[in-house]
Amino acid sequence: MGVVKFKTSGRTIPMLRQTGNARIMHEDAEFGIDESQLNQIERVWNDGIRFEDLVEQEGRPWDEIMFALMELAKEERLTRPIAYRYRN
């Protein structure tokens, strides 16, 4: 049986092969976020808050905060990076 696919937004998204070995990652994470909380995360992140402090302040798991930051980065709303790459 090949790869299962579905369409969304006019694009075809390939899904995992149905082998029985697939694992759903972050199945307990909440991907929805109130716009006011997202704006708050944007504001304090751009002001320089540490990631660990942001997690504690917002009262959400670290992976949900990371998803929020990735969404903000995708929307080009962050003025400071999420991670740095150091040169040797």
PDB file of N, CA and C in Angstrom:
ATOM      1  N   MET A   1       0.856  -1.183   0.000  1.00  0.00           N
ATOM      2  CA  MET A   1       0.000   0.000   0.000  1.00  0.00           C
ATOM      3  C   MET A   1       0.890   1.230   0.000  1.00  0.00           C
ATOM      4  N   GLY A   2       0.962   2.095  -0.822  1.00  0.00           N
ATOM      5  CA  GLY A   2       1.907   3.197  -0.904  1.00  0.00           C
ATOM      6  C   GLY A   2       1.815   4.181   0.238  1.00  0.00           C
ATOM      7  N   VAL A   3       2.190   5.405  -0.019  1.00  0.00           N
ATOM      8  CA  VAL A   3       2.159   6.467   0.978  1.00  0.00           C
ATOM      9  C   VAL A   3       0.770   7.096   0.986  1.00  0.00           C
ATOM     10  N   VAL A   4       0.201   7.257   2.150  1.00  0.00           N
ATOM     11  CA  VAL A   4      -1.099   7.904   2.289  1.00  0.00           C
ATOM     12  C   VAL A   4      -0.894   9.403   2.139  1.00  0.00           C
ATOM     13  N   LYS A   5      -1.773  10.070   1.387  1.00  0.00           N
ATOM     14  CA  LYS A   5      -1.654  11.513   1.180  1.00  0.00           C
ATOM     15  C   LYS A   5      -3.009  12.177   1.401  1.00  0.00           C
ATOM     16  N   PHE A   6      -2.973  13.443   1.757  1.00  0.00           N
ATOM     17  CA  PHE A   6      -4.198  14.221   1.816  1.00  0.00           C
ATOM     18  C   PHE A   6      -3.889  15.610   1.304  1.00  0.00           C
ATOM     19  N   LYS A   7      -4.916  16.337   0.899  1.00  0.00           N
ATOM     20  CA  LYS A   7      -4.715  17.678   0.349  1.00  0.00           C
ATOM     21  C   LYS A   7      -5.171  18.727   1.337  1.00  0.00           C
ATOM     22  N   THR A   8      -4.397  19.782   1.431  1.00  0.00           N
ATOM     23  CA  THR A   8      -4.757  20.931   2.242  1.00  0.00           C
ATOM     24  C   THR A   8      -4.147  22.164   1.599  1.00  0.00           C
ATOM     25  N   SER A   9      -4.879  23.228   1.531  1.00  0.00           N
ATOM     26  CA  SER A   9      -4.415  24.489   0.943  1.00  0.00           C
ATOM     27  C   SER A   9      -3.874  24.296  -0.471  1.00  0.00           C
ATOM     28  N   GLY A  10      -4.424  23.348  -1.197  1.00  0.00           N
ATOM     29  CA  GLY A  10      -3.974  23.147  -2.567  1.00  0.00           C
ATOM     30  C   GLY A  10      -2.684  22.374  -2.708  1.00  0.00           C
ATOM     31  N   ARG A  11      -2.094  21.927  -1.602  1.00  0.00           N
ATOM     32  CA  ARG A  11      -0.845  21.161  -1.646  1.00  0.00           C
ATOM     33  C   ARG A  11      -1.125  19.741  -1.200  1.00  0.00           C
ATOM     34  N   THR A  12      -0.394  18.793  -1.741  1.00  0.00           N
ATOM     35  CA  THR A  12      -0.496  17.412  -1.297  1.00  0.00           C
ATOM     36  C   THR A  12       0.566  17.179  -0.239  1.00  0.00           C
ATOM     37  N   ILE A  13       0.156  16.679   0.904  1.00  0.00           N
ATOM     38  CA  ILE A  13       1.054  16.445   2.019  1.00  0.00           C
ATOM     39  C   ILE A  13       1.273  14.936   2.157  1.00  0.00           C
ATOM     40  N   PRO A  14       2.511  14.461   1.994  1.00  0.00           N
ATOM     41  CA  PRO A  14       2.743  13.022   2.180  1.00  0.00           C
ATOM     42  C   PRO A  14       2.663  12.651   3.655  1.00  0.00           C
ATOM     43  N   MET A  15       2.073  11.527   3.925  1.00  0.00           N
ATOM     44  CA  MET A  15       1.948  11.033   5.289  1.00  0.00           C
ATOM     45  C   MET A  15       2.865   9.828   5.471  1.00  0.00           C
ATOM     46  N   LEU A  16       2.994   9.367   6.692  1.00  0.00           N
ATOM     47  CA  LEU A  16       3.837   8.216   6.990  1.00  0.00           C
ATOM     48  C   LEU A  16       3.297   6.946   6.348  1.00  0.00           C
ATOM     49  N   ARG A  17       4.189   6.078   5.974  1.00  0.00           N
ATOM     50  CA  ARG A  17       3.767   4.770   5.479  1.00  0.00           C
ATOM     51  C   ARG A  17       3.080   4.023   6.615  1.00  0.00           C
ATOM     52  N   GLN A  18       2.092   3.262   6.281  1.00  0.00           N
ATOM     53  CA  GLN A  18       1.322   2.527   7.278  1.00  0.00           C
ATOM     54  C   GLN A  18       2.004   1.195   7.566  1.00  0.00           C
ATOM     55  N   THR A  19       3.092   1.254   8.323  1.00  0.00           N
ATOM     56  CA  THR A  19       3.860   0.049   8.641  1.00  0.00           C
ATOM     57  C   THR A  19       3.552  -0.464  10.040  1.00  0.00           C
ATOM     58  N   GLY A  20       2.900   0.337  10.831  1.00  0.00           N
ATOM     59  CA  GLY A  20       2.657  -0.032  12.218  1.00  0.00           C
ATOM     60  C   GLY A  20       3.783   0.409  13.139  1.00  0.00           C
ATOM     61  N   ASN A  21       4.861   0.949  12.591  1.00  0.00           N
ATOM     62  CA  ASN A  21       6.013   1.394  13.381  1.00  0.00           C
ATOM     63  C   ASN A  21       6.024   2.903  13.601  1.00  0.00           C
ATOM     64  N   ALA A  22       5.045   3.605  13.084  1.00  0.00           N
ATOM     65  CA  ALA A  22       5.021   5.064  13.193  1.00  0.00           C
ATOM     66  C   ALA A  22       4.753   5.497  14.628  1.00  0.00           C
ATOM     67  N   ARG A  23       5.375   6.591  15.012  1.00  0.00           N
ATOM     68  CA  ARG A  23       5.162   7.164  16.335  1.00  0.00           C
ATOM     69  C   ARG A  23       4.713   8.606  16.168  1.00  0.00           C
ATOM     70  N   ILE A  24       3.645   8.985  16.799  1.00  0.00           N
ATOM     71  CA  ILE A  24       3.166  10.360  16.759  1.00  0.00           C
ATOM     72  C   ILE A  24       3.931  11.152  17.807  1.00  0.00           C
ATOM     73  N   MET A  25       4.620  12.194  17.358  1.00  0.00           N
ATOM     74  CA  MET A  25       5.396  13.017  18.283  1.00  0.00           C
ATOM     75  C   MET A  25       4.532  14.149  18.824  1.00  0.00           C
ATOM     76  N   HIS A  26       4.771  14.521  20.049  1.00  0.00           N
ATOM     77  CA  HIS A  26       4.080  15.638  20.711  1.00  0.00           C
ATOM     78  C   HIS A  26       2.570  15.468  20.681  1.00  0.00           C
ATOM     79  N   GLU A  27       2.099  14.229  20.853  1.00  0.00           N
ATOM     80  CA  GLU A  27       0.662  13.984  20.793  1.00  0.00           C
ATOM     81  C   GLU A  27      -0.089  14.635  21.948  1.00  0.00           C
ATOM     82  N   ASP A  28       0.609  14.978  23.006  1.00  0.00           N
ATOM     83  CA  ASP A  28      -0.047  15.616  24.144  1.00  0.00           C
ATOM     84  C   ASP A  28       0.071  17.142  24.110  1.00  0.00           C
ATOM     85  N   ALA A  29       0.695  17.687  23.071  1.00  0.00           N
ATOM     86  CA  ALA A  29       0.882  19.142  22.980  1.00  0.00           C
ATOM     87  C   ALA A  29      -0.378  19.820  22.455  1.00  0.00           C
ATOM     88  N   GLU A  30      -0.621  21.014  22.945  1.00  0.00           N
ATOM     89  CA  GLU A  30      -1.730  21.847  22.470  1.00  0.00           C
ATOM     90  C   GLU A  30      -1.155  22.802  21.434  1.00  0.00           C
ATOM     91  N   PHE A  31      -1.605  22.681  20.194  1.00  0.00           N
ATOM     92  CA  PHE A  31      -1.061  23.513  19.123  1.00  0.00           C
ATOM     93  C   PHE A  31      -1.811  24.831  18.973  1.00  0.00           C
ATOM     94  N   GLY A  32      -2.955  24.940  19.603  1.00  0.00           N
ATOM     95  CA  GLY A  32      -3.695  26.197  19.558  1.00  0.00           C
ATOM     96  C   GLY A  32      -3.212  27.137  20.644  1.00  0.00           C
ATOM     97  N   ILE A  33      -3.266  28.423  20.333  1.00  0.00           N
ATOM     98  CA  ILE A  33      -2.846  29.431  21.314  1.00  0.00           C
ATOM     99  C   ILE A  33      -3.679  30.687  21.087  1.00  0.00           C
ATOM    100  N   ASP A  34      -4.070  31.320  22.164  1.00  0.00           N
ATOM    101  CA  ASP A  34      -4.813  32.561  22.072  1.00  0.00           C
ATOM    102  C   ASP A  34      -3.893  33.637  21.485  1.00  0.00           C
ATOM    103  N   GLU A  35      -4.448  34.463  20.605  1.00  0.00           N
ATOM    104  CA  GLU A  35      -3.646  35.501  19.942  1.00  0.00           C
ATOM    105  C   GLU A  35      -3.011  36.456  20.951  1.00  0.00           C
ATOM    106  N   SER A  36      -3.703  36.749  22.053  1.00  0.00           N
ATOM    107  CA  SER A  36      -3.118  37.655  23.048  1.00  0.00           C
ATOM    108  C   SER A  36      -1.899  37.015  23.726  1.00  0.00           C
ATOM    109  N   GLN A  37      -1.944  35.697  23.960  1.00  0.00           N
ATOM    110  CA  GLN A  37      -0.785  35.032  24.542  1.00  0.00           C
ATOM    111  C   GLN A  37       0.366  34.984  23.538  1.00  0.00           C
ATOM    112  N   LEU A  38       0.056  34.761  22.262  1.00  0.00           N
ATOM    113  CA  LEU A  38       1.092  34.769  21.237  1.00  0.00           C
ATOM    114  C   LEU A  38       1.744  36.149  21.145  1.00  0.00           C
ATOM    115  N   ASN A  39       0.934  37.198  21.223  1.00  0.00           N
ATOM    116  CA  ASN A  39       1.479  38.564  21.210  1.00  0.00           C
ATOM    117  C   ASN A  39       2.368  38.806  22.423  1.00  0.00           C
ATOM    118  N   GLN A  40       1.962  38.290  23.586  1.00  0.00           N
ATOM    119  CA  GLN A  40       2.769  38.425  24.805  1.00  0.00           C
ATOM    120  C   GLN A  40       4.112  37.707  24.642  1.00  0.00           C
ATOM    121  N   ILE A  41       4.074  36.494  24.098  1.00  0.00           N
ATOM    122  CA  ILE A  41       5.312  35.740  23.873  1.00  0.00           C
ATOM    123  C   ILE A  41       6.216  36.509  22.933  1.00  0.00           C
ATOM    124  N   GLU A  42       5.663  37.072  21.866  1.00  0.00           N
ATOM    125  CA  GLU A  42       6.441  37.878  20.917  1.00  0.00           C
ATOM    126  C   GLU A  42       7.098  39.063  21.623  1.00  0.00           C
ATOM    127  N   ARG A  43       6.313  39.766  22.409  1.00  0.00           N
ATOM    128  CA  ARG A  43       6.797  40.975  23.074  1.00  0.00           C
ATOM    129  C   ARG A  43       7.948  40.670  24.035  1.00  0.00           C
ATOM    130  N   VAL A  44       7.752  39.689  24.909  1.00  0.00           N
ATOM    131  CA  VAL A  44       8.799  39.427  25.909  1.00  0.00           C
ATOM    132  C   VAL A  44      10.008  38.736  25.295  1.00  0.00           C
ATOM    133  N   TRP A  45       9.800  37.930  24.263  1.00  0.00           N
ATOM    134  CA  TRP A  45      10.957  37.310  23.600  1.00  0.00           C
ATOM    135  C   TRP A  45      11.820  38.382  22.943  1.00  0.00           C
ATOM    136  N   ASN A  46      11.175  39.300  22.229  1.00  0.00           N
ATOM    137  CA  ASN A  46      11.919  40.374  21.569  1.00  0.00           C
ATOM    138  C   ASN A  46      12.586  41.301  22.577  1.00  0.00           C
ATOM    139  N   ASP A  47      12.050  41.364  23.800  1.00  0.00           N
ATOM    140  CA  ASP A  47      12.663  42.177  24.856  1.00  0.00           C
ATOM    141  C   ASP A  47      13.828  41.464  25.542  1.00  0.00           C
ATOM    142  N   GLY A  48      14.028  40.165  25.239  1.00  0.00           N
ATOM    143  CA  GLY A  48      15.209  39.483  25.744  1.00  0.00           C
ATOM    144  C   GLY A  48      15.005  38.446  26.832  1.00  0.00           C
ATOM    145  N   ILE A  49      13.785  38.018  27.087  1.00  0.00           N
ATOM    146  CA  ILE A  49      13.568  37.029  28.137  1.00  0.00           C
ATOM    147  C   ILE A  49      14.277  35.711  27.784  1.00  0.00           C
ATOM    148  N   ARG A  50      14.767  35.011  28.809  1.00  0.00           N
ATOM    149  CA  ARG A  50      15.358  33.682  28.618  1.00  0.00           C
ATOM    150  C   ARG A  50      14.254  32.681  28.346  1.00  0.00           C
ATOM    151  N   PHE A  51      14.568  31.665  27.543  1.00  0.00           N
ATOM    152  CA  PHE A  51      13.569  30.663  27.167  1.00  0.00           C
ATOM    153  C   PHE A  51      12.946  30.010  28.402  1.00  0.00           C
ATOM    154  N   GLU A  52      13.774  29.603  29.358  1.00  0.00           N
ATOM    155  CA  GLU A  52      13.275  28.932  30.562  1.00  0.00           C
ATOM    156  C   GLU A  52      12.330  29.831  31.353  1.00  0.00           C
ATOM    157  N   ASP A  53      12.651  31.124  31.416  1.00  0.00           N
ATOM    158  CA  ASP A  53      11.787  32.075  32.118  1.00  0.00           C
ATOM    159  C   ASP A  53      10.471  32.271  31.378  1.00  0.00           C
ATOM    160  N   LEU A  54      10.520  32.250  30.053  1.00  0.00           N
ATOM    161  CA  LEU A  54       9.309  32.386  29.254  1.00  0.00           C
ATOM    162  C   LEU A  54       8.372  31.199  29.478  1.00  0.00           C
ATOM    163  N   VAL A  55       8.939  30.000  29.522  1.00  0.00           N
ATOM    164  CA  VAL A  55       8.144  28.801  29.789  1.00  0.00           C
ATOM    165  C   VAL A  55       7.437  28.936  31.135  1.00  0.00           C
ATOM    166  N   GLU A  56       8.189  29.332  32.147  1.00  0.00           N
ATOM    167  CA  GLU A  56       7.607  29.479  33.491  1.00  0.00           C
ATOM    168  C   GLU A  56       6.557  30.587  33.522  1.00  0.00           C
ATOM    169  N   GLN A  57       6.874  31.720  32.910  1.00  0.00           N
ATOM    170  CA  GLN A  57       5.948  32.860  32.914  1.00  0.00           C
ATOM    171  C   GLN A  57       4.624  32.513  32.234  1.00  0.00           C
ATOM    172  N   GLU A  58       4.670  31.810  31.113  1.00  0.00           N
ATOM    173  CA  GLU A  58       3.451  31.521  30.354  1.00  0.00           C
ATOM    174  C   GLU A  58       2.714  30.292  30.859  1.00  0.00           C
ATOM    175  N   GLY A  59       3.371  29.470  31.684  1.00  0.00           N
ATOM    176  CA  GLY A  59       2.711  28.313  32.262  1.00  0.00           C
ATOM    177  C   GLY A  59       2.332  27.251  31.244  1.00  0.00           C
ATOM    178  N   ARG A  60       3.149  27.139  30.200  1.00  0.00           N
ATOM    179  CA  ARG A  60       2.916  26.129  29.167  1.00  0.00           C
ATOM    180  C   ARG A  60       4.168  25.278  29.040  1.00  0.00           C
ATOM    181  N   PRO A  61       4.038  24.052  28.558  1.00  0.00           N
ATOM    182  CA  PRO A  61       5.208  23.201  28.381  1.00  0.00           C
ATOM    183  C   PRO A  61       6.205  23.809  27.391  1.00  0.00           C
ATOM    184  N   TRP A  62       7.469  23.421  27.549  1.00  0.00           N
ATOM    185  CA  TRP A  62       8.526  24.006  26.719  1.00  0.00           C
ATOM    186  C   TRP A  62       8.285  23.771  25.230  1.00  0.00           C
ATOM    187  N   ASP A  63       7.717  22.617  24.849  1.00  0.00           N
ATOM    188  CA  ASP A  63       7.523  22.362  23.423  1.00  0.00           C
ATOM    189  C   ASP A  63       6.451  23.280  22.835  1.00  0.00           C
ATOM    190  N   GLU A  64       5.426  23.609  23.596  1.00  0.00           N
ATOM    191  CA  GLU A  64       4.396  24.523  23.104  1.00  0.00           C
ATOM    192  C   GLU A  64       4.948  25.931  22.926  1.00  0.00           C
ATOM    193  N   ILE A  65       5.829  26.354  23.836  1.00  0.00           N
ATOM    194  CA  ILE A  65       6.474  27.666  23.688  1.00  0.00           C
ATOM    195  C   ILE A  65       7.380  27.665  22.465  1.00  0.00           C
ATOM    196  N   MET A  66       8.093  26.560  22.239  1.00  0.00           N
ATOM    197  CA  MET A  66       8.959  26.463  21.058  1.00  0.00           C
ATOM    198  C   MET A  66       8.127  26.527  19.781  1.00  0.00           C
ATOM    199  N   PHE A  67       6.969  25.845  19.766  1.00  0.00           N
ATOM    200  CA  PHE A  67       6.093  25.910  18.595  1.00  0.00           C
ATOM    201  C   PHE A  67       5.628  27.347  18.358  1.00  0.00           C
ATOM    202  N   ALA A  68       5.301  28.050  19.431  1.00  0.00           N
ATOM    203  CA  ALA A  68       4.869  29.442  19.311  1.00  0.00           C
ATOM    204  C   ALA A  68       5.990  30.303  18.741  1.00  0.00           C
ATOM    205  N   LEU A  69       7.208  30.118  19.240  1.00  0.00           N
ATOM    206  CA  LEU A  69       8.345  30.884  18.726  1.00  0.00           C
ATOM    207  C   LEU A  69       8.617  30.561  17.259  1.00  0.00           C
ATOM    208  N   MET A  70       8.487  29.291  16.883  1.00  0.00           N
ATOM    209  CA  MET A  70       8.692  28.923  15.479  1.00  0.00           C
ATOM    210  C   MET A  70       7.630  29.569  14.594  1.00  0.00           C
ATOM    211  N   GLU A  71       6.390  29.621  15.069  1.00  0.00           N
ATOM    212  CA  GLU A  71       5.321  30.275  14.315  1.00  0.00           C
ATOM    213  C   GLU A  71       5.610  31.773  14.163  1.00  0.00           C
ATOM    214  N   LEU A  72       6.048  32.410  15.247  1.00  0.00           N
ATOM    215  CA  LEU A  72       6.387  33.830  15.190  1.00  0.00           C
ATOM    216  C   LEU A  72       7.557  34.078  14.248  1.00  0.00           C
ATOM    217  N   ALA A  73       8.550  33.196  14.265  1.00  0.00           N
ATOM    218  CA  ALA A  73       9.692  33.336  13.359  1.00  0.00           C
ATOM    219  C   ALA A  73       9.244  33.186  11.912  1.00  0.00           C
ATOM    220  N   LYS A  74       8.373  32.242  11.661  1.00  0.00           N
ATOM    221  CA  LYS A  74       7.845  32.021  10.311  1.00  0.00           C
ATOM    222  C   LYS A  74       7.114  33.262   9.810  1.00  0.00           C
ATOM    223  N   GLU A  75       6.417  33.937  10.716  1.00  0.00           N
ATOM    224  CA  GLU A  75       5.692  35.163  10.369  1.00  0.00           C
ATOM    225  C   GLU A  75       6.606  36.394  10.396  1.00  0.00           C
ATOM    226  N   GLU A  76       7.898  36.177  10.649  1.00  0.00           N
ATOM    227  CA  GLU A  76       8.903  37.245  10.717  1.00  0.00           C
ATOM    228  C   GLU A  76       8.545  38.312  11.743  1.00  0.00           C
ATOM    229  N   ARG A  77       8.060  37.857  12.916  1.00  0.00           N
ATOM    230  CA  ARG A  77       7.678  38.771  13.993  1.00  0.00           C
ATOM    231  C   ARG A  77       8.724  38.841  15.093  1.00  0.00           C
ATOM    232  N   LEU A  78       9.790  38.048  14.994  1.00  0.00           N
ATOM    233  CA  LEU A  78      10.819  38.048  16.032  1.00  0.00           C
ATOM    234  C   LEU A  78      11.992  38.923  15.607  1.00  0.00           C
ATOM    235  N   THR A  79      12.502  39.706  16.548  1.00  0.00           N
ATOM    236  CA  THR A  79      13.668  40.549  16.259  1.00  0.00           C
ATOM    237  C   THR A  79      14.958  39.927  16.767  1.00  0.00           C
ATOM    238  N   ARG A  80      14.853  38.855  17.547  1.00  0.00           N
ATOM    239  CA  ARG A  80      16.047  38.124  17.967  1.00  0.00           C
ATOM    240  C   ARG A  80      15.847  36.654  17.640  1.00  0.00           C
ATOM    241  N   PRO A  81      16.918  35.971  17.300  1.00  0.00           N
ATOM    242  CA  PRO A  81      16.788  34.572  16.869  1.00  0.00           C
ATOM    243  C   PRO A  81      16.396  33.635  18.010  1.00  0.00           C
ATOM    244  N   ILE A  82      15.881  32.485  17.624  1.00  0.00           N
ATOM    245  CA  ILE A  82      15.556  31.448  18.594  1.00  0.00           C
ATOM    246  C   ILE A  82      16.826  30.714  19.005  1.00  0.00           C
ATOM    247  N   ALA A  83      17.730  30.519  18.051  1.00  0.00           N
ATOM    248  CA  ALA A  83      18.986  29.802  18.318  1.00  0.00           C
ATOM    249  C   ALA A  83      20.121  30.472  17.555  1.00  0.00           C
ATOM    250  N   TYR A  84      21.311  30.282  18.031  1.00  0.00           N
ATOM    251  CA  TYR A  84      22.493  30.819  17.377  1.00  0.00           C
ATOM    252  C   TYR A  84      23.330  29.682  16.804  1.00  0.00           C
ATOM    253  N   ARG A  85      24.042  29.964  15.728  1.00  0.00           N
ATOM    254  CA  ARG A  85      25.004  29.019  15.200  1.00  0.00           C
ATOM    255  C   ARG A  85      26.377  29.669  15.334  1.00  0.00           C
ATOM    256  N   TYR A  86      27.260  28.989  16.028  1.00  0.00           N
ATOM    257  CA  TYR A  86      28.582  29.532  16.257  1.00  0.00           C
ATOM    258  C   TYR A  86      29.550  29.018  15.201  1.00  0.00           C
ATOM    259  N   ARG A  87      30.417  29.887  14.739  1.00  0.00           N
ATOM    260  CA  ARG A  87      31.446  29.491  13.778  1.00  0.00           C
ATOM    261  C   ARG A  87      32.671  29.019  14.539  1.00  0.00           C
ATOM    262  N   ASN A  88      33.407  28.106  13.955  1.00  0.00           N
ATOM    263  CA  ASN A  88      34.660  27.622  14.568  1.00  0.00           C
ATOM    264  C   ASN A  88      35.797  28.553  14.254  1.00  0.00           C
TER     265      ASN A  88
END
